[in-house]
C-alpha atoms as a PDB file:
ATOM      1  CA  ALA A   1      -8.297   1.200  -6.789  1.00  0.00           C
ATOM      2  CA  ALA A   2      -7.432   1.876  -3.022  1.00  0.00           C
ATOM      3  CA  LEU A   3      -4.282   0.387  -1.791  1.00  0.00           C
ATOM      4  CA  THR A   4      -4.271  -2.151   1.007  1.00  0.00           C
ATOM      5  CA  VAL A   5      -2.721  -1.124   4.182  1.00  0.00           C
ATOM      6  CA  GLU A   6      -3.567  -2.677   7.686  1.00  0.00           C
ATOM      7  CA  PRO A   7      -1.742  -2.765  10.899  1.00  0.00           C
ATOM      8  CA  SER A   8      -0.628  -6.416  11.589  1.00  0.00           C
ATOM      9  CA  ASN A   9       2.152  -8.510  13.339  1.00  0.00           C
ATOM     10  CA  MET A  10       4.281  -8.278  10.352  1.00  0.00           C
ATOM     11  CA  SER A  11       6.330  -4.991   9.615  1.00  0.00           C
ATOM     12  CA  ALA A  12       5.799  -1.473   8.271  1.00  0.00           C
ATOM     13  CA  THR A  13       4.606  -3.329   5.083  1.00  0.00           C
ATOM     14  CA  GLU A  14       1.635  -4.048   6.487  1.00  0.00           C
ATOM     15  CA  GLY A  15       0.791  -0.697   8.080  1.00  0.00           C
ATOM     16  CA  GLU A  16       2.553  -0.219  11.333  1.00  0.00           C
ATOM     17  CA  VAL A  17       6.153  -0.975  12.464  1.00  0.00           C
ATOM     18  CA  LYS A  18       6.055  -4.456  14.480  1.00  0.00           C
ATOM     19  CA  PRO A  19       8.829  -7.122  14.824  1.00  0.00           C
ATOM     20  CA  LEU A  20       9.283  -9.564  12.095  1.00  0.00           C
ATOM     21  CA  GLU A  21      10.989 -12.956  12.097  1.00  0.00           C
ATOM     22  CA  ALA A  22      14.319 -12.001  10.183  1.00  0.00           C
ATOM     23  CA  SER A  23      14.937 -14.171   6.792  1.00  0.00           C
ATOM     24  CA  SER A  24      17.758 -14.865   4.860  1.00  0.00           C
ATOM     25  CA  GLU A  25      18.606 -12.585   1.954  1.00  0.00           C
ATOM     26  CA  PRO A  26      17.566 -13.755  -1.533  1.00  0.00           C
ATOM     27  CA  LYS A  27      20.112 -15.106  -3.628  1.00  0.00           C
ATOM     28  CA  GLU A  28      21.202 -13.110  -6.978  1.00  0.00           C
ATOM     29  CA  ALA A  29      19.077 -14.160  -9.894  1.00  0.00           C
ATOM     30  CA  GLU A  30      18.287 -13.346 -13.314  1.00  0.00           C
ATOM     31  CA  ILE A  31      15.739 -11.179 -14.576  1.00  0.00           C
ATOM     32  CA  THR A  32      12.828 -12.732 -16.409  1.00  0.00           C
ATOM     33  CA  SER A  33      12.633 -10.874 -19.780  1.00  0.00           C
ATOM     34  CA  GLU A  34       9.545  -9.523 -21.024  1.00  0.00           C
ATOM     35  CA  SER A  35      10.056 -11.315 -24.193  1.00  0.00           C
ATOM     36  CA  SER A  36       9.674 -14.706 -22.165  1.00  0.00           C
ATOM     37  CA  GLN A  37       6.182 -13.893 -21.068  1.00  0.00           C
ATOM     38  CA  PRO A  38       3.653 -15.557 -23.477  1.00  0.00           C
ATOM     39  CA  LYS A  39       2.030 -12.699 -25.340  1.00  0.00           C
ATOM     40  CA  ALA A  40      -1.519 -14.217 -24.408  1.00  0.00           C
ATOM     41  CA  VAL A  41      -0.632 -14.186 -20.618  1.00  0.00           C
ATOM     42  CA  ALA A  42       0.791 -10.443 -20.822  1.00  0.00           C
ATOM     43  CA  GLU A  43      -2.664  -9.045 -22.541  1.00  0.00           C
ATOM     44  CA  ALA A  44      -5.021 -11.448 -20.601  1.00  0.00           C
ATOM     45  CA  LYS A  45      -7.352  -9.420 -18.230  1.00  0.00           C
ATOM     46  CA  PRO A  46      -6.753 -10.048 -14.529  1.00  0.00           C
ATOM     47  CA  SER A  47      -9.316 -11.816 -12.605  1.00  0.00           C
ATOM     48  CA  ALA A  48     -10.668 -10.392  -9.350  1.00  0.00           C
ATOM     49  CA  LEU A  49      -8.455 -12.270  -7.262  1.00  0.00           C
ATOM     50  CA  GLU A  50      -5.417 -11.401  -9.398  1.00  0.00           C
ATOM     51  CA  LEU A  51      -6.434  -7.560  -9.208  1.00  0.00           C
ATOM     52  CA  LYS A  52      -6.348  -8.123  -5.537  1.00  0.00           C
ATOM     53  CA  ILE A  53      -2.991  -9.785  -5.621  1.00  0.00           C
ATOM     54  CA  ILE A  54      -1.450  -7.074  -7.889  1.00  0.00           C
ATOM     55  CA  LYS A  55      -2.641  -4.284  -5.925  1.00  0.00           C
ATOM     56  CA  GLN A  56      -1.305  -5.832  -2.546  1.00  0.00           C
ATOM     57  CA  VAL A  57       2.140  -6.775  -3.903  1.00  0.00           C
ATOM     58  CA  GLU A  58       2.506  -3.346  -5.767  1.00  0.00           C
ATOM     59  CA  TYR A  59       1.628  -1.591  -2.595  1.00  0.00           C
ATOM     60  CA  TYR A  60       4.687  -3.755  -0.715  1.00  0.00           C
ATOM     61  CA  PHE A  61       7.003  -2.387  -3.701  1.00  0.00           C
ATOM     62  CA  GLY A  62       5.332   1.008  -4.003  1.00  0.00           C
ATOM     63  CA  ASP A  63       7.143   4.439  -3.625  1.00  0.00           C
ATOM     64  CA  HIS A  64       5.577   5.064  -0.295  1.00  0.00           C
ATOM     65  CA  ASN A  65       6.220   1.832   1.380  1.00  0.00           C
ATOM     66  CA  LEU A  66       9.664   1.332   0.154  1.00  0.00           C
ATOM     67  CA  SER A  67      10.792   4.702   1.210  1.00  0.00           C
ATOM     68  CA  ARG A  68       9.527   4.002   4.761  1.00  0.00           C
ATOM     69  CA  ASP A  69       9.590   0.274   5.387  1.00  0.00           C
ATOM     70  CA  LYS A  70      12.810  -0.704   7.106  1.00  0.00           C
ATOM     71  CA  PHE A  71      12.352  -4.459   6.679  1.00  0.00           C
ATOM     72  CA  MET A  72      11.978  -4.292   2.857  1.00  0.00           C
ATOM     73  CA  GLN A  73      14.906  -1.771   2.702  1.00  0.00           C
ATOM     74  CA  ASP A  74      16.980  -4.267   4.647  1.00  0.00           C
ATOM     75  CA  ILE A  75      16.163  -7.044   2.086  1.00  0.00           C
ATOM     76  CA  LEU A  76      16.002  -4.950  -1.116  1.00  0.00           C
ATOM     77  CA  GLY A  77      19.237  -3.007  -0.405  1.00  0.00           C
ATOM     78  CA  ILE A  78      20.039   0.512  -0.852  1.00  0.00           C
ATOM     79  CA  HIS A  79      18.896   0.913  -4.347  1.00  0.00           C
ATOM     80  CA  PHE A  80      16.103  -1.754  -4.071  1.00  0.00           C
ATOM     81  CA  GLU A  81      17.856  -4.095  -6.476  1.00  0.00           C
ATOM     82  CA  ASN A  82      18.124  -7.215  -4.271  1.00  0.00           C
ATOM     83  CA  TRP A  83      15.491 -10.180  -4.506  1.00  0.00           C
ATOM     84  CA  ILE A  84      13.139 -11.076  -1.997  1.00  0.00           C
ATOM     85  CA  PRO A  85      12.046 -14.756  -2.036  1.00  0.00           C
ATOM     86  CA  LEU A  86       8.433 -15.476  -2.496  1.00  0.00           C
ATOM     87  CA  GLU A  87       8.803 -17.857   0.568  1.00  0.00           C
ATOM     88  CA  THR A  88       9.245 -14.711   2.531  1.00  0.00           C
ATOM     89  CA  MET A  89       6.458 -12.607   0.687  1.00  0.00           C
ATOM     90  CA  VAL A  90       3.894 -15.386   1.569  1.00  0.00           C
ATOM     91  CA  LYS A  91       4.320 -14.756   5.236  1.00  0.00           C
ATOM     92  CA  PHE A  92       2.854 -11.317   4.668  1.00  0.00           C
ATOM     93  CA  LYS A  93      -0.525 -11.183   6.545  1.00  0.00           C
ATOM     94  CA  ARG A  94      -2.474  -9.546   3.689  1.00  0.00           C
ATOM     95  CA  LEU A  95      -0.838 -11.449   0.813  1.00  0.00           C
ATOM     96  CA  ALA A  96      -1.379 -14.645   2.573  1.00  0.00           C
ATOM     97  CA  GLU A  97      -4.852 -14.107   3.238  1.00  0.00           C
ATOM     98  CA  LEU A  98      -5.260 -13.934  -0.756  1.00  0.00           C
ATOM     99  CA  THR A  99      -2.810 -16.842  -1.781  1.00  0.00           C
ATOM    100  CA  THR A 100       0.320 -18.548  -0.631  1.00  0.00           C
ATOM    101  CA  ASP A 101       0.578 -19.980  -4.305  1.00  0.00           C
ATOM    102  CA  PHE A 102       3.827 -18.790  -6.012  1.00  0.00           C
ATOM    103  CA  GLU A 103       2.670 -19.258  -9.540  1.00  0.00           C
ATOM    104  CA  THR A 104      -0.932 -17.606  -8.771  1.00  0.00           C
ATOM    105  CA  ILE A 105       1.242 -14.615  -7.670  1.00  0.00           C
ATOM    106  CA  LEU A 106       3.338 -14.394 -10.658  1.00  0.00           C
ATOM    107  CA  CYS A 107       0.754 -14.942 -12.796  1.00  0.00           C
ATOM    108  CA  ALA A 108      -1.101 -12.114 -11.272  1.00  0.00           C
ATOM    109  CA  LEU A 109       2.031  -9.846 -11.706  1.00  0.00           C
ATOM    110  CA  GLU A 110       2.541 -10.582 -15.238  1.00  0.00           C
ATOM    111  CA  LYS A 111      -1.098  -9.031 -16.088  1.00  0.00           C
ATOM    112  CA  SER A 112      -0.158  -5.766 -14.144  1.00  0.00           C
ATOM    113  CA  LYS A 113      -0.294  -2.640 -16.172  1.00  0.00           C
ATOM    114  CA  LYS A 114       2.483  -0.785 -14.112  1.00  0.00           C
ATOM    115  CA  GLN A 115       5.067  -3.720 -14.072  1.00  0.00           C
ATOM    116  CA  ILE A 116       7.068  -2.518 -11.223  1.00  0.00           C
ATOM    117  CA  VAL A 117       7.525  -5.922 -10.060  1.00  0.00           C
ATOM    118  CA  GLU A 118       9.665  -8.450 -11.726  1.00  0.00           C
ATOM    119  CA  ALA A 119      10.354 -12.207 -11.253  1.00  0.00           C
ATOM    120  CA  SER A 120      13.565 -14.099 -11.138  1.00  0.00           C
ATOM    121  CA  SER A 121      14.268 -16.712 -13.775  1.00  0.00           C
ATOM    122  CA  ASP A 122      13.674 -19.514 -11.390  1.00  0.00           C
ATOM    123  CA  ARG A 123      10.273 -17.805 -10.380  1.00  0.00           C
ATOM    124  CA  LEU A 124      11.185 -18.173  -6.712  1.00  0.00           C
ATOM    125  CA  SER A 125      11.919 -14.384  -6.000  1.00  0.00           C
ATOM    126  CA  ILE A 126      10.561 -11.058  -6.902  1.00  0.00           C
ATOM    127  CA  ARG A 127      12.025  -7.408  -6.678  1.00  0.00           C
ATOM    128  CA  ARG A 128      11.257  -4.034  -7.760  1.00  0.00           C
ATOM    129  CA  SER A 129      12.045  -3.566 -11.387  1.00  0.00           C
ATOM    130  CA  PRO A 130      15.277  -1.489 -12.029  1.00  0.00           C
ATOM    131  CA  ASP A 131      13.363   0.234 -14.976  1.00  0.00           C
ATOM    132  CA  HIS A 132      10.949   1.703 -12.183  1.00  0.00           C
ATOM    133  CA  PRO A 133      13.473   2.977  -9.694  1.00  0.00           C
ATOM    134  CA  VAL A 134      12.275   4.273  -6.244  1.00  0.00           C
ATOM    135  CA  PRO A 135      12.520   8.097  -6.168  1.00  0.00           C
ATOM    136  CA  GLU A 136      14.258   9.836  -3.424  1.00  0.00           C
ATOM    137  CA  LEU A 137      11.985  10.855  -0.509  1.00  0.00           C
ATOM    138  CA  THR A 138      13.007  14.511  -0.772  1.00  0.00           C
ATOM    139  CA  THR A 139      11.229  17.721   0.836  1.00  0.00           C
ATOM    140  CA  ASP A 140       9.414  18.059  -2.163  1.00  0.00           C
ATOM    141  CA  ARG A 141       8.105  14.753  -2.422  1.00  0.00           C
ATOM    142  CA  LYS A 142       6.929  15.224   1.199  1.00  0.00           C
ATOM    143  CA  LEU A 143       5.311  18.335   0.851  1.00  0.00           C
ATOM    144  CA  GLU A 144       3.531  16.969  -2.320  1.00  0.00           C
ATOM    145  CA  SER A 145       2.216  13.992  -0.252  1.00  0.00           C
ATOM    146  CA  ARG A 146       0.575  16.511   2.149  1.00  0.00           C
ATOM    147  CA  THR A 147      -1.432  17.966  -0.532  1.00  0.00           C
ATOM    148  CA  LYS A 148      -2.997  14.529  -1.154  1.00  0.00           C
ATOM    149  CA  THR A 149      -3.458  13.182   2.235  1.00  0.00           C
ATOM    150  CA  LEU A 150      -6.722  13.285   4.283  1.00  0.00           C
ATOM    151  CA  TYR A 151      -8.102  12.711   7.764  1.00  0.00           C
ATOM    152  CA  VAL A 152     -11.305  10.882   7.491  1.00  0.00           C
ATOM    153  CA  LYS A 153     -13.533  10.156  10.492  1.00  0.00           C
ATOM    154  CA  GLY A 154     -16.993   8.454  10.951  1.00  0.00           C
ATOM    155  CA  PHE A 155     -16.640   5.035  10.252  1.00  0.00           C
ATOM    156  CA  PRO A 156     -18.145   2.294  12.523  1.00  0.00           C
ATOM    157  CA  GLU A 157     -15.565   0.732  14.656  1.00  0.00           C
ATOM    158  CA  THR A 158     -16.364  -2.738  13.341  1.00  0.00           C
ATOM    159  CA  THR A 159     -15.458  -1.530  10.019  1.00  0.00           C
ATOM    160  CA  VAL A 160     -12.518  -3.776   8.350  1.00  0.00           C
ATOM    161  CA  LEU A 161      -9.999  -3.012   5.569  1.00  0.00           C
ATOM    162  CA  PRO A 162     -12.030  -4.420   2.837  1.00  0.00           C
ATOM    163  CA  ASP A 163     -15.095  -2.209   3.446  1.00  0.00           C
ATOM    164  CA  LEU A 164     -12.730   0.804   3.469  1.00  0.00           C
ATOM    165  CA  GLU A 165     -11.123  -0.235   0.039  1.00  0.00           C
ATOM    166  CA  ALA A 166     -14.539  -0.864  -1.530  1.00  0.00           C
ATOM    167  CA  PHE A 167     -15.822   2.543  -0.209  1.00  0.00           C
ATOM    168  CA  PHE A 168     -12.740   4.646  -1.333  1.00  0.00           C
ATOM    169  CA  ASP A 169     -12.731   2.781  -4.670  1.00  0.00           C
ATOM    170  CA  ASP A 170     -15.496   4.899  -5.856  1.00  0.00           C
ATOM    171  CA  HIS A 171     -13.534   8.149  -4.868  1.00  0.00           C
ATOM    172  CA  GLY A 172     -10.159   7.571  -6.783  1.00  0.00           C
ATOM    173  CA  GLU A 173      -7.171   5.592  -6.691  1.00  0.00           C
ATOM    174  CA  LEU A 174      -5.200   5.813  -3.483  1.00  0.00           C
ATOM    175  CA  VAL A 175      -1.585   5.384  -2.377  1.00  0.00           C
ATOM    176  CA  TYR A 176      -2.416   4.041   0.989  1.00  0.00           C
ATOM    177  CA  ILE A 177      -5.294   3.649   3.604  1.00  0.00           C
ATOM    178  CA  TYR A 178      -4.217   3.819   7.099  1.00  0.00           C
ATOM    179  CA  MET A 179      -6.424   2.602   9.791  1.00  0.00           C
ATOM    180  CA  ARG A 180      -5.967   4.358  13.093  1.00  0.00           C
ATOM    181  CA  ARG A 181      -6.079   2.218  16.066  1.00  0.00           C
ATOM    182  CA  ASN A 182      -6.045   2.507  19.832  1.00  0.00           C
ATOM    183  CA  LEU A 183      -3.729   0.986  22.400  1.00  0.00           C
ATOM    184  CA  GLU A 184      -5.923  -2.163  22.304  1.00  0.00           C
ATOM    185  CA  LYS A 185      -5.499  -2.421  18.629  1.00  0.00           C
ATOM    186  CA  GLY A 186      -9.244  -1.495  18.037  1.00  0.00           C
ATOM    187  CA  PHE A 187     -10.072   0.518  15.037  1.00  0.00           C
ATOM    188  CA  ARG A 188     -10.576   4.240  16.038  1.00  0.00           C
ATOM    189  CA  GLY A 189     -13.264   4.857  13.213  1.00  0.00           C
ATOM    190  CA  SER A 190     -10.754   7.341  11.654  1.00  0.00           C
ATOM    191  CA  VAL A 191      -8.385   6.895   8.677  1.00  0.00           C
ATOM    192  CA  PHE A 192      -5.528   8.718   6.792  1.00  0.00           C
ATOM    193  CA  VAL A 193      -5.654   8.310   3.081  1.00  0.00           C
ATOM    194  CA  GLU A 194      -3.336   9.452   0.375  1.00  0.00           C
ATOM    195  CA  PHE A 195      -4.727   9.961  -3.015  1.00  0.00           C
ATOM    196  CA  VAL A 196      -2.867   9.285  -6.175  1.00  0.00           C
ATOM    197  CA  ASP A 197      -4.242  12.487  -7.536  1.00  0.00           C
ATOM    198  CA  ALA A 198      -4.288  15.873  -5.756  1.00  0.00           C
ATOM    199  CA  GLU A 199      -7.428  17.170  -7.456  1.00  0.00           C
ATOM    200  CA  LYS A 200      -9.501  14.025  -6.453  1.00  0.00           C
ATOM    201  CA  ALA A 201      -8.026  14.575  -2.964  1.00  0.00           C
ATOM    202  CA  LYS A 202      -9.299  17.843  -2.977  1.00  0.00           C
ATOM    203  CA  ALA A 203     -12.576  17.009  -4.551  1.00  0.00           C
ATOM    204  CA  PHE A 204     -13.195  14.576  -1.694  1.00  0.00           C
ATOM    205  CA  CYS A 205     -12.364  16.921   0.960  1.00  0.00           C
ATOM    206  CA  ASP A 206     -14.378  19.829  -0.385  1.00  0.00           C
ATOM    207  CA  ALA A 207     -17.443  17.655  -1.276  1.00  0.00           C
ATOM    208  CA  GLU A 208     -20.584  19.034   0.441  1.00  0.00           C
ATOM    209  CA  GLU A 209     -21.594  15.887   1.763  1.00  0.00           C
ATOM    210  CA  ILE A 210     -19.977  12.218   1.726  1.00  0.00           C
ATOM    211  CA  LYS A 211     -21.584   9.510   3.900  1.00  0.00           C
ATOM    212  CA  TYR A 212     -20.541   6.007   4.825  1.00  0.00           C
ATOM    213  CA  LYS A 213     -23.781   4.207   4.852  1.00  0.00           C
ATOM    214  CA  ASP A 214     -25.913   6.733   6.839  1.00  0.00           C
ATOM    215  CA  THR A 215     -23.008   8.647   8.654  1.00  0.00           C
ATOM    216  CA  ASP A 216     -21.562  12.086   7.378  1.00  0.00           C
ATOM    217  CA  LEU A 217     -17.969  11.713   7.190  1.00  0.00           C
ATOM    218  CA  ILE A 218     -15.667  14.232   8.616  1.00  0.00           C
ATOM    219  CA  ARG A 219     -12.929  15.204   6.065  1.00  0.00           C
ATOM    220  CA  MET A 220     -10.005  17.654   6.112  1.00  0.00           C
ATOM    221  CA  MET A 221      -6.248  17.551   5.083  1.00  0.00           C
ATOM    222  CA  LYS A 222      -4.003  15.550   7.342  1.00  0.00           C
ATOM    223  CA  SER A 223      -1.990  18.527   7.974  1.00  0.00           C
ATOM    224  CA  HIS A 224      -4.935  20.493   9.048  1.00  0.00           C
ATOM    225  CA  TYR A 225      -5.824  17.678  11.374  1.00  0.00           C
ATOM    226  CA  PHE A 226      -2.552  18.025  13.205  1.00  0.00           C
ATOM    227  CA  GLU A 227      -2.769  21.698  13.297  1.00  0.00           C
ATOM    228  CA  LEU A 228      -6.183  21.473  15.088  1.00  0.00           C
ATOM    229  CA  LYS A 229      -4.495  18.863  17.506  1.00  0.00           C
ATOM    230  CA  VAL A 230      -1.458  21.187  18.376  1.00  0.00           C
ATOM    231  CA  LYS A 231      -4.211  24.233  18.851  1.00  0.00           C
ATOM    232  CA  LYS A 232      -6.330  22.014  21.142  1.00  0.00           C
ATOM    233  CA  ARG A 233      -3.264  21.057  23.280  1.00  0.00           C
ATOM    234  CA  LYS A 234      -2.281  24.777  23.933  1.00  0.00           C
ATOM    235  CA  ASP A 235      -5.623  25.732  24.621  1.00  0.00           C
ATOM    236  CA  ARG A 236      -5.555  23.216  27.477  1.00  0.00           C
ATOM    237  CA  LYS A 237      -2.653  24.799  29.091  1.00  0.00           C
END
């Protein structure tokens, strides 16, 4: 399933760096052990809403976002071991659109296959699980990301993020979708998308034809897109 990224008035967590009201650092709390989770809950199949909650929260705490999101870094600490209150989390626009109920969020996360987010014993805070440390954003990781990230153009300017999520869900799991916007915050009809799997990215890029509704989509590697932009600027001189 595709990840949910959309610019908002929150922070880089929501797709673009924007000012966000400061919140107090969460107090240290104990980890909720796996054994404390009812077996039936752990094995239960997530509902449609729970799947969306899992996807959104795991984006916030995912490798891509935590490596770049200053707000989350400041709260979670250099090793991402601090807790963030759910009271803070439910102020994030994309999550708040799904639910602001703490138990609904926690029950959904308990059904996640990845289990990269864990709850405190008082069930008032969450954090990135120390069992799944965030890898360092090395040069190799950046180069690997380039092999999986595409520029895709041809979407109507009225397209909203759920439409893009539904479309890309049919083409492979994504790390993120970034909707490119103009100075007036309007959607420009193009996105940057990073696939989890490089082969899926290549297949999408090299396909003879991919349409969104009735429009042929322009597809290329993100690195190639920027190369063309640089060449175009040079040609103007």
